[in-house]
Amino acid sequence: MPATRAAEFGLFSRQILRHPRQVSALAPSSPGLAAMMARQLPVTATRVAEFGAGLGSLTRAILAAGIAPHDLTLFEVNDTFCASLRAAFPGVAIVNGPAQGLAATEAGSLDAVVSGLPLLSMPADTQRDILAAAFHALAPDGVYIQFTYGLFAPLRAAVARDLGLTATRTARVWKNIPPATVYVYRRARNGTA
């Protein structure tokens, strides 16, 4: 494991022990999962937000996909992770707060939201609040990109239906701990999100 990844894993592990509800993952996202997430960005995407940025595994892939640092906003609730993100990604806007805060800062101007949040473990109301905030900030053809360790879609079917969303599933990324699948959510053609 390269020195940087080893240091990140150590910091990540300490935060799991101190704040298990905030972190809720076994390890940082693998480069393979991050690349799969970044491949789901629309080819014309310029403005992106990331939910649950952690230590920046997905952030690196988003920037490598061509998103300019000043066009990327990260949302992270863990103070230690935010400090690490600020040091690692100068020029990227970092919000030390919940994903739902996106609705107050943007309105229809984003091309994509990339999420590392543990949606599957959240109650329906929280899922609805997060996705409603995301789709408030997304342009009409914007996408919400989410991974899950589960075998089924991370967003409850009733929430997706209420928000007028459809989902596309990618192949499973086996080189991740644990293996993960990426889902891309969009407004249905007659959706209300």
N, C-alpha and C. Protein backbone atom coordinates (compact mmCIF):
# COMPACT_ATOMS: atom_id res chain seq x y z
N MET A 1 0.87 -1.18 0.00
CA MET A 1 0.00 0.00 0.00
C MET A 1 0.91 1.24 0.00
N PRO A 2 0.74 2.18 -0.96
CA PRO A 2 1.56 3.38 -0.97
C PRO A 2 1.44 4.16 0.34
N ALA A 3 2.48 4.94 0.67
CA ALA A 3 2.52 5.66 1.94
C ALA A 3 1.30 6.54 2.15
N THR A 4 0.86 7.27 1.11
CA THR A 4 -0.28 8.16 1.24
C THR A 4 -1.54 7.37 1.57
N ARG A 5 -1.76 6.27 0.86
CA ARG A 5 -2.94 5.43 1.12
C ARG A 5 -2.86 4.84 2.53
N ALA A 6 -1.67 4.45 2.97
CA ALA A 6 -1.51 3.88 4.31
C ALA A 6 -1.83 4.93 5.37
N ALA A 7 -1.36 6.16 5.17
CA ALA A 7 -1.65 7.24 6.12
C ALA A 7 -3.15 7.54 6.15
N GLU A 8 -3.77 7.59 4.97
CA GLU A 8 -5.21 7.82 4.91
C GLU A 8 -5.98 6.72 5.61
N PHE A 9 -5.54 5.46 5.41
CA PHE A 9 -6.23 4.34 6.04
C PHE A 9 -6.12 4.44 7.57
N GLY A 10 -4.95 4.86 8.06
CA GLY A 10 -4.77 5.04 9.51
C GLY A 10 -5.69 6.11 10.06
N LEU A 11 -5.76 7.25 9.37
CA LEU A 11 -6.66 8.34 9.79
C LEU A 11 -8.11 7.89 9.73
N PHE A 12 -8.46 7.21 8.65
CA PHE A 12 -9.81 6.69 8.46
C PHE A 12 -10.18 5.75 9.61
N SER A 13 -9.26 4.83 9.94
CA SER A 13 -9.51 3.85 11.00
C SER A 13 -9.73 4.53 12.35
N ARG A 14 -8.93 5.55 12.64
CA ARG A 14 -9.11 6.28 13.90
C ARG A 14 -10.48 6.95 13.96
N GLN A 15 -10.93 7.50 12.84
CA GLN A 15 -12.23 8.16 12.81
C GLN A 15 -13.38 7.15 12.93
N ILE A 16 -13.20 5.95 12.40
CA ILE A 16 -14.22 4.90 12.58
C ILE A 16 -14.42 4.63 14.07
N LEU A 17 -13.31 4.51 14.79
CA LEU A 17 -13.38 4.21 16.23
C LEU A 17 -13.99 5.37 17.02
N ARG A 18 -13.67 6.61 16.63
CA ARG A 18 -14.15 7.78 17.36
C ARG A 18 -15.58 8.17 16.99
N HIS A 19 -15.91 8.01 15.70
CA HIS A 19 -17.21 8.48 15.19
C HIS A 19 -17.83 7.44 14.25
N PRO A 20 -18.18 6.27 14.75
CA PRO A 20 -18.67 5.21 13.86
C PRO A 20 -19.94 5.57 13.08
N ARG A 21 -20.81 6.38 13.64
CA ARG A 21 -22.04 6.76 12.92
C ARG A 21 -21.74 7.73 11.78
N GLN A 22 -20.72 8.56 11.94
CA GLN A 22 -20.35 9.49 10.88
C GLN A 22 -19.66 8.79 9.72
N VAL A 23 -18.79 7.83 10.03
CA VAL A 23 -17.97 7.20 9.00
C VAL A 23 -18.72 6.07 8.32
N SER A 24 -19.22 5.13 9.07
CA SER A 24 -20.05 4.01 8.60
C SER A 24 -19.53 3.31 7.34
N ALA A 25 -18.23 3.07 7.27
CA ALA A 25 -17.61 2.29 6.19
C ALA A 25 -16.43 1.56 6.80
N LEU A 26 -16.02 0.48 6.14
CA LEU A 26 -14.88 -0.29 6.65
C LEU A 26 -13.55 0.26 6.20
N ALA A 27 -13.54 0.91 5.04
CA ALA A 27 -12.30 1.43 4.46
C ALA A 27 -12.65 2.54 3.48
N PRO A 28 -11.66 3.39 3.15
CA PRO A 28 -11.93 4.39 2.11
C PRO A 28 -12.28 3.70 0.79
N SER A 29 -13.01 4.38 -0.06
CA SER A 29 -13.37 3.82 -1.37
C SER A 29 -12.10 3.53 -2.16
N SER A 30 -12.11 2.41 -2.85
CA SER A 30 -10.94 2.00 -3.65
C SER A 30 -10.82 2.86 -4.90
N PRO A 31 -9.61 2.91 -5.50
CA PRO A 31 -9.47 3.62 -6.77
C PRO A 31 -10.40 3.07 -7.85
N GLY A 32 -10.68 1.77 -7.82
CA GLY A 32 -11.59 1.17 -8.81
C GLY A 32 -13.01 1.66 -8.66
N LEU A 33 -13.49 1.76 -7.42
CA LEU A 33 -14.84 2.27 -7.18
C LEU A 33 -14.89 3.76 -7.54
N ALA A 34 -13.86 4.51 -7.15
CA ALA A 34 -13.83 5.94 -7.47
C ALA A 34 -13.87 6.16 -8.98
N ALA A 35 -13.12 5.36 -9.72
CA ALA A 35 -13.11 5.48 -11.18
C ALA A 35 -14.48 5.14 -11.77
N MET A 36 -15.14 4.13 -11.23
CA MET A 36 -16.48 3.76 -11.70
C MET A 36 -17.47 4.90 -11.45
N MET A 37 -17.37 5.54 -10.29
CA MET A 37 -18.24 6.68 -9.98
C MET A 37 -17.98 7.81 -10.97
N ALA A 38 -16.72 8.14 -11.20
CA ALA A 38 -16.37 9.25 -12.09
C ALA A 38 -16.81 8.98 -13.53
N ARG A 39 -16.79 7.72 -13.95
CA ARG A 39 -17.23 7.38 -15.32
C ARG A 39 -18.71 7.66 -15.52
N GLN A 40 -19.48 7.79 -14.45
CA GLN A 40 -20.91 8.05 -14.57
C GLN A 40 -21.22 9.54 -14.74
N LEU A 41 -20.21 10.40 -14.58
CA LEU A 41 -20.44 11.84 -14.79
C LEU A 41 -20.82 12.09 -16.24
N PRO A 42 -21.80 12.95 -16.48
CA PRO A 42 -22.12 13.29 -17.87
C PRO A 42 -20.89 13.87 -18.56
N VAL A 43 -20.70 13.58 -19.85
CA VAL A 43 -19.52 14.06 -20.57
C VAL A 43 -19.45 15.58 -20.59
N THR A 44 -20.60 16.24 -20.48
CA THR A 44 -20.62 17.71 -20.50
C THR A 44 -20.60 18.32 -19.09
N ALA A 45 -20.45 17.51 -18.07
CA ALA A 45 -20.49 18.01 -16.69
C ALA A 45 -19.37 19.00 -16.42
N THR A 46 -19.73 20.09 -15.75
CA THR A 46 -18.73 21.06 -15.30
C THR A 46 -18.85 21.34 -13.81
N ARG A 47 -20.08 21.46 -13.28
CA ARG A 47 -20.28 21.76 -11.86
C ARG A 47 -20.79 20.54 -11.12
N VAL A 48 -20.07 20.16 -10.05
CA VAL A 48 -20.36 18.92 -9.33
C VAL A 48 -20.29 19.16 -7.82
N ALA A 49 -21.14 18.45 -7.07
CA ALA A 49 -21.04 18.41 -5.61
C ALA A 49 -20.80 16.96 -5.20
N GLU A 50 -20.09 16.79 -4.10
CA GLU A 50 -19.86 15.45 -3.56
C GLU A 50 -20.35 15.41 -2.13
N PHE A 51 -21.13 14.38 -1.81
CA PHE A 51 -21.65 14.18 -0.46
C PHE A 51 -20.81 13.11 0.24
N GLY A 52 -20.42 13.37 1.50
CA GLY A 52 -19.67 12.38 2.27
C GLY A 52 -18.29 12.16 1.68
N ALA A 53 -17.53 13.24 1.53
CA ALA A 53 -16.24 13.17 0.82
C ALA A 53 -15.17 12.38 1.56
N GLY A 54 -15.33 12.17 2.86
CA GLY A 54 -14.35 11.38 3.60
C GLY A 54 -12.96 11.97 3.47
N LEU A 55 -12.01 11.17 2.97
CA LEU A 55 -10.64 11.63 2.79
C LEU A 55 -10.31 11.93 1.34
N GLY A 56 -11.33 11.90 0.46
CA GLY A 56 -11.10 12.36 -0.90
C GLY A 56 -10.87 11.30 -1.96
N SER A 57 -11.18 10.04 -1.67
CA SER A 57 -11.00 9.00 -2.69
C SER A 57 -11.81 9.30 -3.95
N LEU A 58 -13.08 9.65 -3.76
CA LEU A 58 -13.92 9.98 -4.91
C LEU A 58 -13.55 11.35 -5.47
N THR A 59 -13.15 12.26 -4.60
CA THR A 59 -12.77 13.61 -5.03
C THR A 59 -11.65 13.55 -6.06
N ARG A 60 -10.62 12.74 -5.79
CA ARG A 60 -9.49 12.60 -6.72
C ARG A 60 -9.97 12.15 -8.09
N ALA A 61 -10.89 11.19 -8.11
CA ALA A 61 -11.40 10.68 -9.39
C ALA A 61 -12.24 11.72 -10.12
N ILE A 62 -13.01 12.51 -9.38
CA ILE A 62 -13.82 13.56 -9.99
C ILE A 62 -12.91 14.61 -10.65
N LEU A 63 -11.86 15.01 -9.94
CA LEU A 63 -10.92 15.98 -10.49
C LEU A 63 -10.17 15.39 -11.69
N ALA A 64 -9.79 14.12 -11.60
CA ALA A 64 -9.09 13.46 -12.71
C ALA A 64 -9.99 13.36 -13.94
N ALA A 65 -11.30 13.35 -13.73
CA ALA A 65 -12.25 13.29 -14.86
C ALA A 65 -12.40 14.64 -15.56
N GLY A 66 -11.74 15.68 -15.04
CA GLY A 66 -11.75 16.97 -15.71
C GLY A 66 -12.56 18.06 -15.05
N ILE A 67 -13.14 17.79 -13.89
CA ILE A 67 -13.88 18.84 -13.18
C ILE A 67 -12.85 19.77 -12.52
N ALA A 68 -12.99 21.06 -12.77
CA ALA A 68 -12.06 22.04 -12.20
C ALA A 68 -12.29 22.16 -10.69
N PRO A 69 -11.21 22.34 -9.91
CA PRO A 69 -11.38 22.47 -8.46
C PRO A 69 -12.41 23.52 -8.05
N HIS A 70 -12.45 24.67 -8.72
CA HIS A 70 -13.39 25.73 -8.33
C HIS A 70 -14.85 25.39 -8.71
N ASP A 71 -15.04 24.30 -9.46
CA ASP A 71 -16.40 23.87 -9.82
C ASP A 71 -16.86 22.66 -9.02
N LEU A 72 -16.11 22.31 -7.97
CA LEU A 72 -16.44 21.16 -7.13
C LEU A 72 -16.67 21.63 -5.70
N THR A 73 -17.79 21.18 -5.10
CA THR A 73 -18.10 21.48 -3.70
C THR A 73 -18.27 20.17 -2.96
N LEU A 74 -17.55 20.04 -1.85
CA LEU A 74 -17.61 18.83 -1.03
C LEU A 74 -18.42 19.10 0.23
N PHE A 75 -19.26 18.13 0.62
CA PHE A 75 -20.00 18.18 1.88
C PHE A 75 -19.52 17.03 2.75
N GLU A 76 -19.06 17.35 3.96
CA GLU A 76 -18.55 16.34 4.88
C GLU A 76 -18.84 16.81 6.30
N VAL A 77 -19.40 15.91 7.14
CA VAL A 77 -19.75 16.30 8.52
C VAL A 77 -18.61 16.08 9.51
N ASN A 78 -17.64 15.25 9.18
CA ASN A 78 -16.54 14.93 10.10
C ASN A 78 -15.49 16.05 10.05
N ASP A 79 -15.25 16.70 11.19
CA ASP A 79 -14.31 17.82 11.26
C ASP A 79 -12.90 17.43 10.84
N THR A 80 -12.43 16.27 11.28
CA THR A 80 -11.08 15.82 10.96
C THR A 80 -10.94 15.58 9.47
N PHE A 81 -11.93 14.94 8.87
CA PHE A 81 -11.89 14.73 7.42
C PHE A 81 -11.89 16.07 6.67
N CYS A 82 -12.68 17.04 7.16
CA CYS A 82 -12.71 18.35 6.49
C CYS A 82 -11.34 19.01 6.51
N ALA A 83 -10.65 18.94 7.63
CA ALA A 83 -9.31 19.52 7.73
C ALA A 83 -8.37 18.84 6.73
N SER A 84 -8.45 17.54 6.63
CA SER A 84 -7.61 16.79 5.68
C SER A 84 -7.95 17.16 4.24
N LEU A 85 -9.24 17.29 3.94
CA LEU A 85 -9.68 17.66 2.59
C LEU A 85 -9.18 19.06 2.21
N ARG A 86 -9.24 20.00 3.15
CA ARG A 86 -8.78 21.36 2.87
C ARG A 86 -7.29 21.38 2.53
N ALA A 87 -6.52 20.55 3.23
CA ALA A 87 -5.08 20.49 2.96
C ALA A 87 -4.79 19.81 1.62
N ALA A 88 -5.57 18.80 1.29
CA ALA A 88 -5.31 18.00 0.09
C ALA A 88 -5.85 18.60 -1.20
N PHE A 89 -6.90 19.42 -1.10
CA PHE A 89 -7.58 19.91 -2.31
C PHE A 89 -7.77 21.43 -2.28
N PRO A 90 -6.67 22.18 -2.42
CA PRO A 90 -6.82 23.64 -2.45
C PRO A 90 -7.66 24.04 -3.67
N GLY A 91 -8.50 25.04 -3.47
CA GLY A 91 -9.34 25.51 -4.57
C GLY A 91 -10.69 24.84 -4.64
N VAL A 92 -10.87 23.73 -3.91
CA VAL A 92 -12.16 23.03 -3.85
C VAL A 92 -12.95 23.59 -2.66
N ALA A 93 -14.21 23.92 -2.87
CA ALA A 93 -15.05 24.40 -1.76
C ALA A 93 -15.43 23.23 -0.87
N ILE A 94 -15.22 23.40 0.43
CA ILE A 94 -15.50 22.32 1.38
C ILE A 94 -16.46 22.85 2.44
N VAL A 95 -17.61 22.18 2.55
CA VAL A 95 -18.64 22.56 3.51
C VAL A 95 -18.63 21.52 4.63
N ASN A 96 -18.35 21.98 5.86
CA ASN A 96 -18.36 21.10 7.02
C ASN A 96 -19.80 21.05 7.54
N GLY A 97 -20.62 20.24 6.87
CA GLY A 97 -22.02 20.16 7.22
C GLY A 97 -22.71 19.07 6.43
N PRO A 98 -23.99 18.84 6.72
CA PRO A 98 -24.74 17.76 6.07
C PRO A 98 -25.08 18.06 4.61
N ALA A 99 -25.31 17.01 3.88
CA ALA A 99 -25.63 17.10 2.45
C ALA A 99 -26.87 17.95 2.19
N GLN A 100 -27.82 17.93 3.10
CA GLN A 100 -29.05 18.68 2.90
C GLN A 100 -28.79 20.18 2.75
N GLY A 101 -27.64 20.66 3.20
CA GLY A 101 -27.28 22.06 3.07
C GLY A 101 -27.10 22.50 1.63
N LEU A 102 -26.94 21.56 0.72
CA LEU A 102 -26.78 21.89 -0.69
C LEU A 102 -27.97 22.68 -1.22
N ALA A 103 -29.16 22.34 -0.77
CA ALA A 103 -30.37 23.00 -1.26
C ALA A 103 -30.34 24.51 -1.00
N ALA A 104 -29.66 24.93 0.06
CA ALA A 104 -29.61 26.35 0.40
C ALA A 104 -28.56 27.11 -0.40
N THR A 105 -27.61 26.38 -1.00
CA THR A 105 -26.51 27.06 -1.69
C THR A 105 -26.61 27.02 -3.21
N GLU A 106 -27.35 26.10 -3.74
CA GLU A 106 -27.43 25.94 -5.20
C GLU A 106 -28.91 25.78 -5.59
N ALA A 107 -29.21 26.15 -6.82
CA ALA A 107 -30.57 25.94 -7.34
C ALA A 107 -30.48 25.69 -8.84
N GLY A 108 -30.59 24.43 -9.22
CA GLY A 108 -30.62 24.07 -10.62
C GLY A 108 -29.35 24.32 -11.40
N SER A 109 -28.20 24.41 -10.72
CA SER A 109 -26.98 24.78 -11.42
C SER A 109 -25.93 23.66 -11.51
N LEU A 110 -26.17 22.54 -10.87
CA LEU A 110 -25.19 21.45 -10.88
C LEU A 110 -25.50 20.43 -11.97
N ASP A 111 -24.44 19.82 -12.47
CA ASP A 111 -24.58 18.76 -13.48
C ASP A 111 -24.64 17.38 -12.83
N ALA A 112 -24.01 17.25 -11.65
CA ALA A 112 -23.98 15.94 -10.98
C ALA A 112 -23.74 16.11 -9.50
N VAL A 113 -24.27 15.15 -8.74
CA VAL A 113 -23.94 14.98 -7.33
C VAL A 113 -23.40 13.57 -7.21
N VAL A 114 -22.22 13.45 -6.61
CA VAL A 114 -21.58 12.16 -6.39
C VAL A 114 -21.64 11.88 -4.90
N SER A 115 -22.18 10.73 -4.51
CA SER A 115 -22.43 10.49 -3.09
C SER A 115 -21.76 9.23 -2.56
N GLY A 116 -21.06 9.43 -1.44
CA GLY A 116 -20.50 8.31 -0.69
C GLY A 116 -21.25 8.11 0.61
N LEU A 117 -22.44 8.68 0.72
CA LEU A 117 -23.23 8.55 1.95
C LEU A 117 -23.80 7.14 2.08
N PRO A 118 -23.98 6.65 3.31
CA PRO A 118 -24.55 5.32 3.52
C PRO A 118 -26.08 5.34 3.44
N LEU A 119 -26.61 5.65 2.26
CA LEU A 119 -28.07 5.79 2.09
C LEU A 119 -28.84 4.58 2.57
N LEU A 120 -28.30 3.40 2.29
CA LEU A 120 -29.00 2.15 2.60
C LEU A 120 -29.35 2.05 4.09
N SER A 121 -28.51 2.63 4.95
CA SER A 121 -28.75 2.52 6.39
C SER A 121 -29.57 3.68 6.95
N MET A 122 -30.02 4.58 6.09
CA MET A 122 -30.76 5.76 6.55
C MET A 122 -32.27 5.55 6.47
N PRO A 123 -33.02 6.19 7.37
CA PRO A 123 -34.48 6.11 7.29
C PRO A 123 -34.99 6.82 6.03
N ALA A 124 -36.18 6.46 5.62
CA ALA A 124 -36.77 7.01 4.39
C ALA A 124 -36.83 8.53 4.40
N ASP A 125 -37.18 9.12 5.53
CA ASP A 125 -37.28 10.58 5.60
C ASP A 125 -35.93 11.25 5.33
N THR A 126 -34.86 10.68 5.87
CA THR A 126 -33.52 11.24 5.64
C THR A 126 -33.12 11.07 4.19
N GLN A 127 -33.40 9.89 3.63
CA GLN A 127 -33.12 9.68 2.20
C GLN A 127 -33.85 10.73 1.36
N ARG A 128 -35.13 10.92 1.66
CA ARG A 128 -35.94 11.88 0.90
C ARG A 128 -35.35 13.29 1.01
N ASP A 129 -34.95 13.70 2.21
CA ASP A 129 -34.38 15.04 2.41
C ASP A 129 -33.10 15.22 1.59
N ILE A 130 -32.24 14.21 1.61
CA ILE A 130 -30.96 14.29 0.89
C ILE A 130 -31.18 14.35 -0.61
N LEU A 131 -32.01 13.46 -1.12
CA LEU A 131 -32.24 13.43 -2.57
C LEU A 131 -33.02 14.65 -3.04
N ALA A 132 -33.95 15.14 -2.24
CA ALA A 132 -34.69 16.35 -2.61
C ALA A 132 -33.73 17.55 -2.69
N ALA A 133 -32.80 17.65 -1.73
CA ALA A 133 -31.80 18.73 -1.77
C ALA A 133 -30.93 18.61 -3.02
N ALA A 134 -30.51 17.38 -3.31
CA ALA A 134 -29.67 17.17 -4.49
C ALA A 134 -30.39 17.56 -5.77
N PHE A 135 -31.62 17.10 -5.93
CA PHE A 135 -32.33 17.38 -7.18
C PHE A 135 -32.82 18.84 -7.25
N HIS A 136 -32.93 19.51 -6.12
CA HIS A 136 -33.19 20.95 -6.14
C HIS A 136 -31.99 21.68 -6.75
N ALA A 137 -30.79 21.19 -6.45
CA ALA A 137 -29.56 21.83 -6.92
C ALA A 137 -29.16 21.40 -8.33
N LEU A 138 -29.68 20.26 -8.78
CA LEU A 138 -29.29 19.74 -10.09
C LEU A 138 -30.08 20.40 -11.23
N ALA A 139 -29.40 20.59 -12.35
CA ALA A 139 -30.06 21.04 -13.58
C ALA A 139 -31.06 19.96 -14.01
N PRO A 140 -31.99 20.28 -14.90
CA PRO A 140 -33.02 19.30 -15.29
C PRO A 140 -32.46 17.95 -15.76
N ASP A 141 -31.31 17.93 -16.41
CA ASP A 141 -30.74 16.66 -16.87
C ASP A 141 -29.60 16.18 -15.97
N GLY A 142 -29.49 16.75 -14.76
CA GLY A 142 -28.44 16.37 -13.83
C GLY A 142 -28.65 14.98 -13.26
N VAL A 143 -27.55 14.39 -12.75
CA VAL A 143 -27.59 13.02 -12.22
C VAL A 143 -27.08 12.97 -10.79
N TYR A 144 -27.60 12.00 -10.05
CA TYR A 144 -27.16 11.71 -8.69
C TYR A 144 -26.50 10.34 -8.73
N ILE A 145 -25.21 10.27 -8.41
CA ILE A 145 -24.42 9.05 -8.52
C ILE A 145 -24.13 8.54 -7.11
N GLN A 146 -24.56 7.32 -6.82
CA GLN A 146 -24.49 6.76 -5.46
C GLN A 146 -23.96 5.34 -5.51
N PHE A 147 -23.07 4.99 -4.58
CA PHE A 147 -22.67 3.58 -4.50
C PHE A 147 -23.31 2.95 -3.29
N THR A 148 -23.38 1.63 -3.31
CA THR A 148 -23.92 0.88 -2.19
C THR A 148 -23.17 -0.43 -2.06
N TYR A 149 -23.04 -0.91 -0.82
CA TYR A 149 -22.47 -2.24 -0.58
C TYR A 149 -23.56 -3.30 -0.64
N GLY A 150 -24.80 -2.88 -0.59
CA GLY A 150 -25.92 -3.81 -0.57
C GLY A 150 -26.17 -4.46 -1.92
N LEU A 151 -27.05 -5.45 -1.91
CA LEU A 151 -27.38 -6.17 -3.14
C LEU A 151 -28.51 -5.50 -3.92
N PHE A 152 -29.17 -4.52 -3.29
CA PHE A 152 -30.30 -3.86 -3.93
C PHE A 152 -30.05 -2.35 -3.99
N ALA A 153 -30.89 -1.65 -4.69
CA ALA A 153 -30.77 -0.20 -4.84
C ALA A 153 -30.69 0.46 -3.46
N PRO A 154 -29.84 1.48 -3.31
CA PRO A 154 -29.67 2.11 -2.00
C PRO A 154 -30.82 3.02 -1.60
N LEU A 155 -31.58 3.49 -2.56
CA LEU A 155 -32.70 4.39 -2.29
C LEU A 155 -33.99 3.58 -2.25
N ARG A 156 -34.76 3.75 -1.20
CA ARG A 156 -36.03 3.02 -1.09
C ARG A 156 -36.91 3.33 -2.31
N ALA A 157 -37.59 2.31 -2.80
CA ALA A 157 -38.43 2.45 -3.99
C ALA A 157 -39.50 3.52 -3.80
N ALA A 158 -40.08 3.59 -2.61
CA ALA A 158 -41.12 4.60 -2.35
C ALA A 158 -40.56 6.01 -2.43
N VAL A 159 -39.32 6.21 -1.96
CA VAL A 159 -38.69 7.53 -2.02
C VAL A 159 -38.42 7.90 -3.47
N ALA A 160 -37.86 6.96 -4.22
CA ALA A 160 -37.59 7.21 -5.64
C ALA A 160 -38.88 7.55 -6.38
N ARG A 161 -39.93 6.81 -6.10
CA ARG A 161 -41.23 7.06 -6.74
C ARG A 161 -41.79 8.43 -6.35
N ASP A 162 -41.74 8.75 -5.05
CA ASP A 162 -42.24 10.05 -4.58
C ASP A 162 -41.50 11.22 -5.22
N LEU A 163 -40.21 11.06 -5.46
CA LEU A 163 -39.40 12.13 -6.03
C LEU A 163 -39.36 12.08 -7.56
N GLY A 164 -40.01 11.07 -8.16
CA GLY A 164 -40.04 10.96 -9.61
C GLY A 164 -38.69 10.61 -10.22
N LEU A 165 -37.98 9.65 -9.59
CA LEU A 165 -36.64 9.29 -10.03
C LEU A 165 -36.59 7.89 -10.63
N THR A 166 -35.69 7.70 -11.58
CA THR A 166 -35.40 6.38 -12.12
C THR A 166 -33.93 6.09 -11.84
N ALA A 167 -33.56 4.81 -11.86
CA ALA A 167 -32.18 4.43 -11.56
C ALA A 167 -31.61 3.50 -12.61
N THR A 168 -30.31 3.65 -12.84
CA THR A 168 -29.54 2.75 -13.68
C THR A 168 -28.44 2.16 -12.81
N ARG A 169 -28.24 0.85 -12.94
CA ARG A 169 -27.25 0.15 -12.10
C ARG A 169 -26.04 -0.21 -12.95
N THR A 170 -24.83 -0.05 -12.38
CA THR A 170 -23.60 -0.45 -13.08
C THR A 170 -23.20 -1.86 -12.63
N ALA A 171 -22.09 -2.33 -13.18
CA ALA A 171 -21.53 -3.61 -12.75
C ALA A 171 -20.98 -3.47 -11.33
N ARG A 172 -20.87 -4.58 -10.63
CA ARG A 172 -20.33 -4.59 -9.26
C ARG A 172 -18.82 -4.38 -9.33
N VAL A 173 -18.30 -3.57 -8.41
CA VAL A 173 -16.86 -3.33 -8.31
C VAL A 173 -16.34 -4.27 -7.23
N TRP A 174 -15.69 -5.35 -7.65
CA TRP A 174 -15.24 -6.37 -6.71
C TRP A 174 -13.98 -5.95 -5.96
N LYS A 175 -13.18 -5.07 -6.55
CA LYS A 175 -11.94 -4.63 -5.90
C LYS A 175 -12.21 -3.41 -5.02
N ASN A 176 -13.08 -3.60 -4.07
CA ASN A 176 -13.41 -2.59 -3.07
C ASN A 176 -13.73 -3.36 -1.79
N ILE A 177 -13.51 -2.73 -0.64
CA ILE A 177 -13.80 -3.39 0.64
C ILE A 177 -14.97 -2.67 1.29
N PRO A 178 -16.15 -3.31 1.38
CA PRO A 178 -16.58 -4.51 0.64
C PRO A 178 -16.91 -4.15 -0.81
N PRO A 179 -17.16 -5.16 -1.66
CA PRO A 179 -17.55 -4.87 -3.04
C PRO A 179 -18.77 -3.94 -3.08
N ALA A 180 -18.83 -3.12 -4.12
CA ALA A 180 -19.89 -2.10 -4.21
C ALA A 180 -20.45 -2.02 -5.62
N THR A 181 -21.66 -1.49 -5.71
CA THR A 181 -22.33 -1.25 -6.99
C THR A 181 -22.71 0.22 -7.05
N VAL A 182 -22.61 0.80 -8.23
CA VAL A 182 -22.94 2.20 -8.43
C VAL A 182 -24.31 2.32 -9.10
N TYR A 183 -25.13 3.22 -8.58
CA TYR A 183 -26.44 3.53 -9.16
C TYR A 183 -26.45 4.99 -9.59
N VAL A 184 -27.07 5.26 -10.72
CA VAL A 184 -27.22 6.63 -11.21
C VAL A 184 -28.71 6.95 -11.24
N TYR A 185 -29.10 7.98 -10.48
CA TYR A 185 -30.50 8.41 -10.40
C TYR A 185 -30.70 9.64 -11.25
N ARG A 186 -31.83 9.63 -11.97
CA ARG A 186 -32.23 10.75 -12.85
C ARG A 186 -33.71 11.02 -12.64
N ARG A 187 -34.12 12.23 -13.02
CA ARG A 187 -35.53 12.53 -13.03
C ARG A 187 -36.19 11.69 -14.14
N ALA A 188 -37.34 11.13 -13.83
CA ALA A 188 -38.11 10.47 -14.88
C ALA A 188 -38.57 11.55 -15.84
N ARG A 189 -38.86 11.20 -17.07
CA ARG A 189 -39.25 12.20 -18.07
C ARG A 189 -40.43 13.04 -17.61
N ASN A 190 -41.35 12.42 -16.87
CA ASN A 190 -42.48 13.18 -16.34
C ASN A 190 -42.35 13.37 -14.82
N GLY A 191 -41.08 13.24 -14.32
CA GLY A 191 -40.83 13.31 -12.88
C GLY A 191 -41.02 14.71 -12.32
N THR A 192 -41.11 14.78 -11.02
CA THR A 192 -41.34 16.04 -10.33
C THR A 192 -40.15 16.47 -9.50
N ALA A 193 -39.08 15.71 -9.51
CA ALA A 193 -37.94 16.04 -8.65
C ALA A 193 -37.25 17.30 -9.10
